[in-house]
Amino acid sequence: MTILADDAVRERLEAAAFRRLMLHLRQRTDVQNIDLMGRSGFCRNCLGDWLHE
């Protein structure tokens, strides 16, 4: 049962981090996709797929 609780906590943390990232990107329209690609190592297609998901 502990594993399920840990998975649930991890999922909530990941969702919160994603929501925070999306909020940041919406507020910082000056940040370009190229900045994210360069800093994170995503290619354009990977970044687009990741944002879409």
PDB file of N, CA and C in Angstrom:
ATOM      1  N   MET A   1       0.807  -1.196   0.000  1.00  0.00           N
ATOM      2  CA  MET A   1       0.000   0.000   0.000  1.00  0.00           C
ATOM      3  C   MET A   1       0.853   1.265   0.000  1.00  0.00           C
ATOM      4  N   THR A   2       2.017   1.183   0.595  1.00  0.00           N
ATOM      5  CA  THR A   2       2.911   2.340   0.639  1.00  0.00           C
ATOM      6  C   THR A   2       3.322   2.777  -0.756  1.00  0.00           C
ATOM      7  N   ILE A   3       3.548   1.819  -1.634  1.00  0.00           N
ATOM      8  CA  ILE A   3       3.957   2.150  -2.994  1.00  0.00           C
ATOM      9  C   ILE A   3       2.875   2.961  -3.681  1.00  0.00           C
ATOM     10  N   LEU A   4       1.620   2.589  -3.507  1.00  0.00           N
ATOM     11  CA  LEU A   4       0.526   3.349  -4.117  1.00  0.00           C
ATOM     12  C   LEU A   4       0.473   4.763  -3.574  1.00  0.00           C
ATOM     13  N   ALA A   5       0.658   4.933  -2.286  1.00  0.00           N
ATOM     14  CA  ALA A   5       0.647   6.263  -1.695  1.00  0.00           C
ATOM     15  C   ALA A   5       1.805   7.079  -2.245  1.00  0.00           C
ATOM     16  N   ASP A   6       2.987   6.469  -2.359  1.00  0.00           N
ATOM     17  CA  ASP A   6       4.139   7.173  -2.915  1.00  0.00           C
ATOM     18  C   ASP A   6       3.896   7.578  -4.359  1.00  0.00           C
ATOM     19  N   ASP A   7       3.281   6.696  -5.146  1.00  0.00           N
ATOM     20  CA  ASP A   7       2.963   7.009  -6.529  1.00  0.00           C
ATOM     21  C   ASP A   7       1.965   8.158  -6.607  1.00  0.00           C
ATOM     22  N   ALA A   8       0.983   8.150  -5.734  1.00  0.00           N
ATOM     23  CA  ALA A   8      -0.018   9.221  -5.726  1.00  0.00           C
ATOM     24  C   ALA A   8       0.618  10.558  -5.353  1.00  0.00           C
ATOM     25  N   VAL A   9       1.497  10.548  -4.389  1.00  0.00           N
ATOM     26  CA  VAL A   9       2.189  11.779  -3.988  1.00  0.00           C
ATOM     27  C   VAL A   9       3.065  12.273  -5.132  1.00  0.00           C
ATOM     28  N   ARG A  10       3.810  11.360  -5.741  1.00  0.00           N
ATOM     29  CA  ARG A  10       4.665  11.737  -6.864  1.00  0.00           C
ATOM     30  C   ARG A  10       3.851  12.336  -8.005  1.00  0.00           C
ATOM     31  N   GLU A  11       2.716  11.723  -8.297  1.00  0.00           N
ATOM     32  CA  GLU A  11       1.874  12.226  -9.381  1.00  0.00           C
ATOM     33  C   GLU A  11       1.347  13.626  -9.065  1.00  0.00           C
ATOM     34  N   ARG A  12       0.949  13.854  -7.814  1.00  0.00           N
ATOM     35  CA  ARG A  12       0.482  15.189  -7.425  1.00  0.00           C
ATOM     36  C   ARG A  12       1.606  16.221  -7.513  1.00  0.00           C
ATOM     37  N   LEU A  13       2.798  15.841  -7.120  1.00  0.00           N
ATOM     38  CA  LEU A  13       3.935  16.756  -7.202  1.00  0.00           C
ATOM     39  C   LEU A  13       4.296  17.073  -8.649  1.00  0.00           C
ATOM     40  N   GLU A  14       4.296  16.046  -9.482  1.00  0.00           N
ATOM     41  CA  GLU A  14       4.589  16.264 -10.898  1.00  0.00           C
ATOM     42  C   GLU A  14       3.540  17.164 -11.542  1.00  0.00           C
ATOM     43  N   ALA A  15       2.277  16.943 -11.219  1.00  0.00           N
ATOM     44  CA  ALA A  15       1.199  17.768 -11.776  1.00  0.00           C
ATOM     45  C   ALA A  15       1.338  19.216 -11.312  1.00  0.00           C
ATOM     46  N   ALA A  16       1.681  19.407 -10.050  1.00  0.00           N
ATOM     47  CA  ALA A  16       1.855  20.763  -9.521  1.00  0.00           C
ATOM     48  C   ALA A  16       3.028  21.460 -10.206  1.00  0.00           C
ATOM     49  N   ALA A  17       4.109  20.737 -10.426  1.00  0.00           N
ATOM     50  CA  ALA A  17       5.274  21.321 -11.103  1.00  0.00           C
ATOM     51  C   ALA A  17       4.924  21.695 -12.539  1.00  0.00           C
ATOM     52  N   PHE A  18       4.176  20.831 -13.215  1.00  0.00           N
ATOM     53  CA  PHE A  18       3.773  21.124 -14.587  1.00  0.00           C
ATOM     54  C   PHE A  18       2.862  22.342 -14.642  1.00  0.00           C
ATOM     55  N   ARG A  19       1.893  22.414 -13.726  1.00  0.00           N
ATOM     56  CA  ARG A  19       0.998  23.582 -13.699  1.00  0.00           C
ATOM     57  C   ARG A  19       1.787  24.857 -13.445  1.00  0.00           C
ATOM     58  N   ARG A  20       2.772  24.796 -12.558  1.00  0.00           N
ATOM     59  CA  ARG A  20       3.593  25.967 -12.261  1.00  0.00           C
ATOM     60  C   ARG A  20       4.408  26.382 -13.478  1.00  0.00           C
ATOM     61  N   LEU A  21       4.950  25.406 -14.198  1.00  0.00           N
ATOM     62  CA  LEU A  21       5.693  25.706 -15.416  1.00  0.00           C
ATOM     63  C   LEU A  21       4.788  26.364 -16.444  1.00  0.00           C
ATOM     64  N   MET A  22       3.590  25.829 -16.621  1.00  0.00           N
ATOM     65  CA  MET A  22       2.657  26.407 -17.598  1.00  0.00           C
ATOM     66  C   MET A  22       2.282  27.839 -17.210  1.00  0.00           C
ATOM     67  N   LEU A  23       2.040  28.083 -15.931  1.00  0.00           N
ATOM     68  CA  LEU A  23       1.731  29.428 -15.458  1.00  0.00           C
ATOM     69  C   LEU A  23       2.897  30.365 -15.745  1.00  0.00           C
ATOM     70  N   HIS A  24       4.096  29.918 -15.453  1.00  0.00           N
ATOM     71  CA  HIS A  24       5.288  30.735 -15.694  1.00  0.00           C
ATOM     72  C   HIS A  24       5.410  31.094 -17.171  1.00  0.00           C
ATOM     73  N   LEU A  25       5.226  30.098 -18.055  1.00  0.00           N
ATOM     74  CA  LEU A  25       5.348  30.357 -19.490  1.00  0.00           C
ATOM     75  C   LEU A  25       4.249  31.290 -19.989  1.00  0.00           C
ATOM     76  N   ARG A  26       3.065  31.194 -19.424  1.00  0.00           N
ATOM     77  CA  ARG A  26       1.984  32.112 -19.818  1.00  0.00           C
ATOM     78  C   ARG A  26       2.275  33.540 -19.370  1.00  0.00           C
ATOM     79  N   GLN A  27       2.898  33.680 -18.215  1.00  0.00           N
ATOM     80  CA  GLN A  27       3.208  35.005 -17.687  1.00  0.00           C
ATOM     81  C   GLN A  27       4.460  35.596 -18.337  1.00  0.00           C
ATOM     82  N   ARG A  28       5.362  34.755 -18.770  1.00  0.00           N
ATOM     83  CA  ARG A  28       6.625  35.212 -19.367  1.00  0.00           C
ATOM     84  C   ARG A  28       6.598  34.957 -20.866  1.00  0.00           C
ATOM     85  N   THR A  29       5.821  35.749 -21.570  1.00  0.00           N
ATOM     86  CA  THR A  29       5.702  35.555 -23.015  1.00  0.00           C
ATOM     87  C   THR A  29       6.985  35.910 -23.750  1.00  0.00           C
ATOM     88  N   ASP A  30       7.922  36.553 -23.043  1.00  0.00           N
ATOM     89  CA  ASP A  30       9.205  36.874 -23.666  1.00  0.00           C
ATOM     90  C   ASP A  30      10.120  35.657 -23.765  1.00  0.00           C
ATOM     91  N   VAL A  31       9.792  34.588 -23.027  1.00  0.00           N
ATOM     92  CA  VAL A  31      10.593  33.370 -23.093  1.00  0.00           C
ATOM     93  C   VAL A  31      10.190  32.616 -24.352  1.00  0.00           C
ATOM     94  N   GLN A  32      11.151  32.295 -25.152  1.00  0.00           N
ATOM     95  CA  GLN A  32      10.890  31.630 -26.423  1.00  0.00           C
ATOM     96  C   GLN A  32      11.142  30.130 -26.305  1.00  0.00           C
ATOM     97  N   ASN A  33      10.523  29.368 -27.182  1.00  0.00           N
ATOM     98  CA  ASN A  33      10.737  27.925 -27.208  1.00  0.00           C
ATOM     99  C   ASN A  33      12.213  27.585 -27.382  1.00  0.00           C
ATOM    100  N   ILE A  34      12.933  28.403 -28.155  1.00  0.00           N
ATOM    101  CA  ILE A  34      14.349  28.121 -28.388  1.00  0.00           C
ATOM    102  C   ILE A  34      15.123  28.171 -27.079  1.00  0.00           C
ATOM    103  N   ASP A  35      14.717  29.044 -26.160  1.00  0.00           N
ATOM    104  CA  ASP A  35      15.365  29.105 -24.848  1.00  0.00           C
ATOM    105  C   ASP A  35      15.166  27.798 -24.103  1.00  0.00           C
ATOM    106  N   LEU A  36      13.941  27.281 -24.131  1.00  0.00           N
ATOM    107  CA  LEU A  36      13.655  26.006 -23.462  1.00  0.00           C
ATOM    108  C   LEU A  36      14.410  24.860 -24.106  1.00  0.00           C
ATOM    109  N   MET A  37      14.460  24.859 -25.424  1.00  0.00           N
ATOM    110  CA  MET A  37      15.148  23.772 -26.120  1.00  0.00           C
ATOM    111  C   MET A  37      16.628  23.773 -25.773  1.00  0.00           C
ATOM    112  N   GLY A  38      17.243  24.942 -25.770  1.00  0.00           N
ATOM    113  CA  GLY A  38      18.665  25.029 -25.490  1.00  0.00           C
ATOM    114  C   GLY A  38      19.011  24.636 -24.068  1.00  0.00           C
ATOM    115  N   ARG A  39      18.213  25.064 -23.136  1.00  0.00           N
ATOM    116  CA  ARG A  39      18.509  24.816 -21.731  1.00  0.00           C
ATOM    117  C   ARG A  39      18.131  23.401 -21.288  1.00  0.00           C
ATOM    118  N   SER A  40      17.112  22.844 -21.910  1.00  0.00           N
ATOM    119  CA  SER A  40      16.619  21.542 -21.443  1.00  0.00           C
ATOM    120  C   SER A  40      17.087  20.372 -22.295  1.00  0.00           C
ATOM    121  N   GLY A  41      17.584  20.664 -23.486  1.00  0.00           N
ATOM    122  CA  GLY A  41      18.027  19.585 -24.367  1.00  0.00           C
ATOM    123  C   GLY A  41      16.911  18.978 -25.201  1.00  0.00           C
ATOM    124  N   PHE A  42      15.726  19.614 -25.214  1.00  0.00           N
ATOM    125  CA  PHE A  42      14.633  19.138 -26.050  1.00  0.00           C
ATOM    126  C   PHE A  42      14.848  19.579 -27.492  1.00  0.00           C
ATOM    127  N   CYS A  43      14.515  18.726 -28.426  1.00  0.00           N
ATOM    128  CA  CYS A  43      14.433  19.185 -29.806  1.00  0.00           C
ATOM    129  C   CYS A  43      13.060  19.825 -29.990  1.00  0.00           C
ATOM    130  N   ARG A  44      12.850  20.500 -31.095  1.00  0.00           N
ATOM    131  CA  ARG A  44      11.584  21.200 -31.324  1.00  0.00           C
ATOM    132  C   ARG A  44      10.391  20.256 -31.273  1.00  0.00           C
ATOM    133  N   ASN A  45      10.502  19.114 -31.916  1.00  0.00           N
ATOM    134  CA  ASN A  45       9.388  18.165 -31.933  1.00  0.00           C
ATOM    135  C   ASN A  45       9.117  17.589 -30.550  1.00  0.00           C
ATOM    136  N   CYS A  46      10.207  17.262 -29.818  1.00  0.00           N
ATOM    137  CA  CYS A  46      10.045  16.717 -28.468  1.00  0.00           C
ATOM    138  C   CYS A  46       9.378  17.742 -27.558  1.00  0.00           C
ATOM    139  N   LEU A  47       9.815  18.980 -27.664  1.00  0.00           N
ATOM    140  CA  LEU A  47       9.236  20.037 -26.835  1.00  0.00           C
ATOM    141  C   LEU A  47       7.759  20.212 -27.158  1.00  0.00           C
ATOM    142  N   GLY A  48       7.420  20.223 -28.436  1.00  0.00           N
ATOM    143  CA  GLY A  48       6.023  20.356 -28.832  1.00  0.00           C
ATOM    144  C   GLY A  48       5.176  19.201 -28.326  1.00  0.00           C
ATOM    145  N   ASP A  49       5.695  17.987 -28.438  1.00  0.00           N
ATOM    146  CA  ASP A  49       4.965  16.817 -27.937  1.00  0.00           C
ATOM    147  C   ASP A  49       4.785  16.896 -26.422  1.00  0.00           C
ATOM    148  N   TRP A  50       5.857  17.305 -25.732  1.00  0.00           N
ATOM    149  CA  TRP A  50       5.813  17.392 -24.273  1.00  0.00           C
ATOM    150  C   TRP A  50       4.796  18.441 -23.823  1.00  0.00           C
ATOM    151  N   LEU A  51       4.797  19.600 -24.470  1.00  0.00           N
ATOM    152  CA  LEU A  51       3.831  20.632 -24.113  1.00  0.00           C
ATOM    153  C   LEU A  51       2.408  20.209 -24.423  1.00  0.00           C
ATOM    154  N   HIS A  52       2.240  19.492 -25.533  1.00  0.00           N
ATOM    155  CA  HIS A  52       0.916  19.007 -25.917  1.00  0.00           C
ATOM    156  C   HIS A  52       0.363  18.029 -24.888  1.00  0.00           C
ATOM    157  N   GLU A  53       1.237  17.141 -24.389  1.00  0.00           N
ATOM    158  CA  GLU A  53       0.805  16.163 -23.390  1.00  0.00           C
ATOM    159  C   GLU A  53       0.443  16.856 -22.103  1.00  0.00           C
TER     160      GLU A  53
END
